[in-house]
């Protein structure tokens, strides 16, 4: 599997429950840093080495202060969207998902 985001980790864990299968989970970035585990500090990952730094195509009605180009944060760390967006899935990950991983 490629991508240790919220869904990728869960799918890899479920596939690994089959004793006849071997599952390899690959992620481009490191483990989620401590700072991004606190939702208030999650935005510190935006624009850092944890962010792919994607941008949208120029728009006529959005992000006008940036010439119509919007930043589109996408993380490259385990739980990558949570790392860049501060989502509330972090609580689910710690309590539930880790209990599924052998």
Protein backbone atom coordinates (compact mmCIF):
# COMPACT_ATOMS: atom_id res chain seq x y z
CA UNK A 1 0.00 0.00 0.00
CA UNK A 2 1.18 3.49 -0.71
CA UNK A 3 0.16 6.19 1.74
CA UNK A 4 0.00 5.95 5.52
CA UNK A 5 -2.72 8.53 5.83
CA UNK A 6 -5.79 7.99 7.95
CA UNK A 7 -7.44 5.56 5.53
CA UNK A 8 -4.25 3.93 4.20
CA UNK A 9 -3.13 2.79 7.63
CA UNK A 10 -6.54 1.32 8.42
CA UNK A 11 -6.77 -0.52 5.09
CA UNK A 12 -3.23 -1.90 5.49
CA UNK A 13 -4.05 -3.10 8.98
CA UNK A 14 -7.22 -4.83 7.82
CA UNK A 15 -5.42 -6.50 4.90
CA UNK A 16 -2.72 -7.66 7.33
CA UNK A 17 -5.32 -9.61 9.30
CA UNK A 18 -5.20 -12.30 6.62
CA UNK A 19 -2.37 -14.66 7.69
CA UNK A 20 -1.72 -15.61 4.04
CA UNK A 21 -0.90 -12.04 3.00
CA UNK A 22 2.09 -9.82 3.60
CA UNK A 23 1.40 -6.10 3.56
CA UNK A 24 3.95 -3.31 3.09
CA UNK A 25 2.82 0.23 3.91
CA UNK A 26 4.92 3.01 2.37
CA UNK A 27 4.78 6.69 3.30
CA UNK A 28 6.80 9.55 1.80
CA UNK A 29 7.32 11.41 5.05
CA UNK A 30 8.31 10.77 8.64
CA UNK A 31 6.10 9.96 11.59
CA UNK A 32 3.85 12.83 12.59
CA UNK A 33 5.85 15.34 14.65
CA UNK A 34 4.75 16.11 18.19
CA UNK A 35 3.80 19.70 17.33
CA UNK A 36 1.15 18.66 14.82
CA UNK A 37 -0.47 16.26 17.29
CA UNK A 38 -2.00 19.32 18.99
CA UNK A 39 -4.69 20.65 16.64
CA UNK A 40 -3.88 24.28 17.56
CA UNK A 41 -0.31 23.78 16.26
CA UNK A 42 -1.18 21.65 13.22
CA UNK A 43 -0.87 24.58 10.83
CA UNK A 44 2.85 24.70 11.66
CA UNK A 45 3.27 21.83 9.18
CA UNK A 46 1.86 23.88 6.30
CA UNK A 47 4.69 25.10 4.08
CA UNK A 48 7.24 22.91 5.89
CA UNK A 49 9.06 19.81 4.67
CA UNK A 50 5.92 17.87 5.69
CA UNK A 51 3.81 19.64 3.05
CA UNK A 52 3.78 18.77 -0.66
CA UNK A 53 3.11 22.51 -1.23
CA UNK A 54 0.48 22.00 -3.92
CA UNK A 55 -1.25 25.03 -5.40
CA UNK A 56 -4.46 25.33 -7.38
CA UNK A 57 -4.76 26.62 -10.90
CA UNK A 58 -5.48 30.37 -10.99
CA UNK A 59 -9.10 31.19 -10.16
CA UNK A 60 -11.11 34.29 -10.99
CA UNK A 61 -13.10 34.22 -7.75
CA UNK A 62 -10.80 32.75 -5.08
CA UNK A 63 -7.49 33.62 -3.41
CA UNK A 64 -7.44 36.95 -5.21
CA UNK A 65 -4.71 38.31 -2.92
CA UNK A 66 -2.40 35.62 -4.35
CA UNK A 67 -3.25 36.19 -7.99
CA UNK A 68 -6.05 33.63 -7.85
CA UNK A 69 -3.70 30.81 -6.80
CA UNK A 70 -4.65 29.00 -3.57
CA UNK A 71 -2.31 26.94 -1.42
CA UNK A 72 -3.58 23.36 -1.08
CA UNK A 73 -1.84 21.78 1.94
CA UNK A 74 -1.29 18.03 1.67
CA UNK A 75 0.99 16.40 4.17
CA UNK A 76 3.61 13.73 3.65
CA UNK A 77 3.71 12.13 7.07
CA UNK A 78 1.79 9.36 8.73
CA UNK A 79 -1.77 10.62 9.12
CA UNK A 80 -0.77 13.22 6.56
CA UNK A 81 -3.97 15.21 6.30
CA UNK A 82 -4.24 15.37 10.06
CA UNK A 83 -0.68 16.66 10.22
CA UNK A 84 -1.45 19.62 7.96
CA UNK A 85 -5.04 20.34 8.83
CA UNK A 86 -5.41 19.59 12.53
CA UNK A 87 -8.35 17.27 12.00
CA UNK A 88 -10.09 15.57 14.86
CA UNK A 89 -9.19 12.14 13.48
CA UNK A 90 -6.12 12.22 15.71
CA UNK A 91 -8.20 11.08 18.68
CA UNK A 92 -9.61 8.20 16.63
CA UNK A 93 -6.12 7.24 15.49
CA UNK A 94 -4.62 7.03 18.97
CA UNK A 95 -7.45 5.21 20.66
CA UNK A 96 -8.87 2.98 17.97
CA UNK A 97 -6.62 2.52 14.99
CA UNK A 98 -3.48 1.70 16.97
CA UNK A 99 -5.41 -1.05 18.74
CA UNK A 100 -5.96 -2.66 15.32
CA UNK A 101 -2.26 -2.76 14.43
CA UNK A 102 -0.58 -6.01 15.50
